[in-house]
Protein backbone atom coordinates (compact mmCIF):
# COMPACT_ATOMS: atom_id res chain seq x y z
CA UNK A 1 -3.10 -4.01 7.99
CA UNK A 2 -1.57 -2.04 4.91
CA UNK A 3 -3.06 -2.63 1.46
CA UNK A 4 0.54 -3.36 0.59
CA UNK A 5 0.63 -7.12 2.45
CA UNK A 6 -3.01 -7.80 1.34
CA UNK A 7 -1.59 -7.31 -2.63
CA UNK A 8 1.89 -9.41 -1.60
CA UNK A 9 -0.47 -11.72 0.14
CA UNK A 10 -3.10 -11.99 -3.24
CA UNK A 11 0.04 -12.65 -5.11
CA UNK A 12 1.40 -15.25 -3.10
CA UNK A 13 -1.78 -17.12 -3.74
CA UNK A 14 -1.64 -16.54 -7.36
CA UNK A 15 1.86 -18.08 -8.10
CA UNK A 16 1.43 -21.10 -5.35
CA UNK A 17 -1.73 -21.96 -8.62
CA UNK A 18 0.39 -20.74 -11.47
CA UNK A 19 3.62 -21.88 -10.87
CA UNK A 20 3.31 -24.61 -8.28
CA UNK A 21 0.37 -26.38 -9.42
CA UNK A 22 -1.69 -25.50 -6.26
CA UNK A 23 0.66 -26.99 -4.26
CA UNK A 24 1.63 -24.99 -0.69
CA UNK A 25 4.58 -27.27 -0.10
CA UNK A 26 6.15 -26.86 -3.63
CA UNK A 27 5.86 -22.50 -2.71
CA UNK A 28 7.36 -23.28 0.65
CA UNK A 29 10.45 -25.00 -0.86
CA UNK A 30 11.29 -22.67 -3.79
CA UNK A 31 11.37 -19.99 -1.49
CA UNK A 32 13.13 -21.63 1.77
CA UNK A 33 10.25 -21.45 3.58
CA UNK A 34 7.53 -23.59 5.82
CA UNK A 35 4.33 -24.25 4.64
CA UNK A 36 3.13 -23.73 7.76
CA UNK A 37 4.45 -19.75 7.41
CA UNK A 38 2.69 -19.78 3.91
CA UNK A 39 -0.45 -20.31 5.60
CA UNK A 40 -0.46 -17.48 7.79
CA UNK A 41 1.10 -15.28 4.58
CA UNK A 42 -2.59 -16.74 3.04
CA UNK A 43 -4.52 -15.41 6.59
CA UNK A 44 -4.17 -12.12 4.82
CA UNK A 45 -6.90 -12.81 2.48
CA UNK A 46 -9.47 -14.35 5.32
CA UNK A 47 -12.10 -12.48 6.97
CA UNK A 48 -10.41 -12.61 10.05
CA UNK A 49 -7.13 -10.88 8.63
CA UNK A 50 -7.97 -7.40 9.89
CA UNK A 51 -7.58 -8.05 13.32
CA UNK A 52 -4.04 -10.32 12.99
CA UNK A 53 -1.25 -8.47 14.13
CA UNK A 54 0.70 -6.66 11.00
CA UNK A 55 3.69 -8.67 11.59
CA UNK A 56 6.17 -9.97 9.58
CA UNK A 57 5.46 -13.75 10.04
CA UNK A 58 1.94 -13.79 9.57
CA UNK A 59 2.24 -11.05 6.33
CA UNK A 60 4.87 -11.49 3.88
CA UNK A 61 7.72 -8.71 5.09
CA UNK A 62 10.12 -7.02 2.88
CA UNK A 63 13.23 -9.44 3.56
CA UNK A 64 10.71 -12.73 2.15
CA UNK A 65 9.19 -10.24 -0.60
CA UNK A 66 12.33 -9.79 -1.72
CA UNK A 67 12.94 -13.74 -1.19
CA UNK A 68 9.79 -14.44 -3.17
CA UNK A 69 10.88 -12.02 -6.52
CA UNK A 70 14.10 -13.92 -6.24
CA UNK A 71 12.44 -17.37 -6.76
CA UNK A 72 10.00 -16.54 -8.95
CA UNK A 73 12.45 -13.83 -11.59
CA UNK A 74 10.45 -10.79 -10.55
CA UNK A 75 11.21 -7.79 -10.79
CA UNK A 76 12.51 -5.86 -7.46
CA UNK A 77 9.04 -4.49 -5.91
CA UNK A 78 7.03 -6.53 -8.28
CA UNK A 79 5.23 -8.76 -5.90
CA UNK A 80 3.82 -5.27 -4.02
CA UNK A 81 3.32 -3.03 -6.21
CA UNK A 82 0.50 -4.64 -8.50
CA UNK A 83 -1.63 -7.73 -8.81
CA UNK A 84 0.33 -10.18 -10.68
CA UNK A 85 -3.20 -11.55 -12.50
CA UNK A 86 -3.02 -8.76 -14.53
CA UNK A 87 -5.73 -6.82 -12.12
CA UNK A 88 -5.75 -3.16 -10.88
CA UNK A 89 -5.02 -3.88 -7.01
CA UNK A 90 -8.24 -1.31 -6.02
CA UNK A 91 -10.49 -3.40 -7.94
CA UNK A 92 -9.59 -6.48 -6.88
CA UNK A 93 -9.28 -5.62 -3.49
CA UNK A 94 -12.40 -5.43 -1.72
CA UNK A 95 -12.97 -2.46 -0.90
CA UNK A 96 -15.34 -1.38 3.06
CA UNK A 97 -15.26 1.75 4.14
CA UNK A 98 -15.12 5.35 3.31
CA UNK A 99 -12.98 7.88 4.82
CA UNK A 100 -11.76 11.50 3.77
CA UNK A 101 -9.28 12.64 2.18
CA UNK A 102 -7.29 15.32 3.59
CA UNK A 103 -3.48 17.01 2.57
CA UNK A 104 -0.97 17.23 4.73
CA UNK A 105 -0.65 20.70 5.45
CA UNK A 106 -4.51 20.63 6.74
CA UNK A 107 -4.35 17.88 8.92
CA UNK A 108 -4.41 20.67 12.28
CA UNK A 109 -7.63 22.52 10.79
CA UNK A 110 -9.37 18.55 10.27
CA UNK A 111 -8.71 18.23 13.75
CA UNK A 112 -9.78 21.21 15.21
CA UNK A 113 -12.76 21.35 13.23
CA UNK A 114 -11.59 23.71 11.09
CA UNK A 115 -14.20 23.80 7.63
CA UNK A 116 -11.24 22.93 5.08
CA UNK A 117 -11.24 21.09 1.22
CA UNK A 118 -11.83 17.19 1.02
CA UNK A 119 -12.47 14.45 -0.85
CA UNK A 120 -14.58 11.14 0.13
CA UNK A 121 -12.81 8.18 -0.80
CA UNK A 122 -12.92 3.96 -0.68
CA UNK A 123 -10.88 2.12 1.92
CA UNK A 124 -9.81 -1.42 2.44
CA UNK A 125 -11.11 -1.48 5.73
CA UNK A 126 -13.86 0.96 8.57
CA UNK A 127 -11.97 3.19 10.84
CA UNK A 128 -13.78 5.90 13.29
CA UNK A 129 -15.62 8.57 12.62
CA UNK A 130 -12.55 11.52 13.35
CA UNK A 131 -10.24 9.76 11.31
CA UNK A 132 -8.60 10.95 7.55
CA UNK A 133 -6.89 9.41 4.88
CA UNK A 134 -3.48 11.84 3.60
CA UNK A 135 -0.13 11.23 1.99
CA UNK A 136 3.00 11.44 3.31
CA UNK A 137 4.97 14.02 1.99
CA UNK A 138 8.84 14.13 1.47
CA UNK A 139 9.38 15.56 4.50
CA UNK A 140 8.94 12.23 6.37
CA UNK A 141 11.49 10.47 4.96
CA UNK A 142 12.05 6.93 5.89
CA UNK A 143 11.21 7.41 9.36
CA UNK A 144 8.37 4.98 9.27
CA UNK A 145 10.03 2.88 5.92
CA UNK A 146 8.79 -0.58 6.99
CA UNK A 147 4.99 0.53 6.95
CA UNK A 148 5.03 3.76 4.46
CA UNK A 149 7.22 5.71 2.10
CA UNK A 150 6.80 9.25 0.78
CA UNK A 151 3.95 9.28 -1.87
CA UNK A 152 1.69 6.83 0.37
CA UNK A 153 -1.24 7.00 1.40
CA UNK A 154 -1.69 6.29 5.21
CA UNK A 155 -4.83 6.19 7.08
CA UNK A 156 -5.22 7.35 10.38
CA UNK A 157 -7.25 7.49 13.77
CA UNK A 158 -7.19 10.29 15.35
CA UNK A 159 -9.44 9.06 18.69
CA UNK A 160 -6.02 7.28 19.79
CA UNK A 161 -4.66 7.75 22.80
CA UNK A 162 -0.94 6.79 24.15
CA UNK A 163 -2.02 4.65 26.93
CA UNK A 164 -4.12 2.43 24.51
CA UNK A 165 -1.15 2.21 21.83
CA UNK A 166 0.83 -1.15 21.33
CA UNK A 167 4.05 -1.82 20.84
CA UNK A 168 5.84 -0.74 17.48
CA UNK A 169 2.79 0.50 16.66
CA UNK A 170 2.98 3.89 13.81
CA UNK A 171 1.61 7.11 14.59
CA UNK A 172 1.71 10.70 14.33
CA UNK A 173 3.33 13.17 16.89
CA UNK A 174 4.20 16.69 17.47
CA UNK A 175 7.29 17.25 19.67
CA UNK A 176 7.49 19.90 22.14
CA UNK A 177 7.98 23.37 20.41
CA UNK A 178 7.91 21.75 16.85
CA UNK A 179 5.16 23.06 14.03
CA UNK A 180 5.72 20.05 11.82
CA UNK A 181 4.34 17.22 12.64
CA UNK A 182 6.06 13.56 11.85
CA UNK A 183 5.82 9.85 11.85
CA UNK A 184 7.40 7.78 14.31
CA UNK A 185 7.36 4.31 15.42
CA UNK A 186 5.98 3.63 19.38
CA UNK A 187 7.81 1.59 21.48
CA UNK A 188 7.19 0.51 24.85
CA UNK A 189 9.46 -1.05 26.92
CA UNK A 190 8.27 -2.01 30.58
CA UNK A 191 6.91 1.55 32.15
CA UNK A 192 9.72 3.71 29.31
CA UNK A 193 7.47 4.97 26.16
CA UNK A 194 10.09 5.84 23.50
CA UNK A 195 9.78 7.28 19.76
CA UNK A 196 12.02 5.51 16.78
CA UNK A 197 12.64 7.22 13.56
CA UNK A 198 13.42 3.64 11.04
CA UNK A 199 15.74 5.54 9.04
CA UNK A 200 17.65 6.11 12.28
CA UNK A 201 16.98 2.99 14.66
CA UNK A 202 19.94 3.68 16.54
CA UNK A 203 18.78 6.65 17.87
CA UNK A 204 15.54 5.92 20.42
CA UNK A 205 14.50 9.43 21.81
CA UNK A 206 12.78 8.52 25.29
CA UNK A 207 13.74 12.62 26.92
CA UNK A 208 11.28 14.59 24.73
CA UNK A 209 7.81 16.07 25.36
CA UNK A 210 5.49 15.17 22.13
CA UNK A 211 1.48 14.90 21.67
CA UNK A 212 0.03 12.10 20.14
CA UNK A 213 -2.04 13.43 16.68
CA UNK A 214 -3.26 10.25 16.00
CA UNK A 215 -2.13 6.09 15.40
CA UNK A 216 -1.50 4.78 12.04
CA UNK A 217 -3.63 2.24 11.02
CA UNK A 218 -2.61 1.03 7.27
CA UNK A 219 -0.92 1.86 4.49
CA UNK A 220 -1.75 2.26 0.62
CA UNK A 221 0.70 2.91 -2.38
CA UNK A 222 -0.08 2.95 -5.71
CA UNK A 223 -2.55 5.24 -5.63
């Protein structure tokens, strides 16, 4: 699960406690949703959060976040970029792992065990040994904008394989005859395996050869 969804859930909890007297029903009424949905949003703060699928039904999606901001007179994006209780997201949200932070242009060298300069950073959930953190460059545009945008950090697991990918996973891939690594949403429809660029969702690539670089596990914004 990406850190933005966890920040949103923390803020939902704060709004319920501070402006709805702890009443989830009142919060649900104000955002025109159900108590059941609110309870699912708060699951992102529970011990089993990492095992849940990152869907807008269980978490706060972009549309719901905008609705909450309007209902509580927040600025656009405020629900997602800071904790409303005044604490720092990184200090407030428990960190549970370490991973190397590498530059985007060093990904190939890292995967191929070529010596590079890197830093070790705390992350909100543990990853496999061959994973890494990197910052999305401007060149990726809005290709995975529902998960991350240029400037965000992403956590990538390199030991993933195509057979184990799930529909709507986000991945790094290299297209045939292309030098640069690109970001995609992975689509599996029946036996067909497709790649989708979220900036142009109607363009689905199904007749291209590509190689999986890694599975994007979560994103972090504001660092």
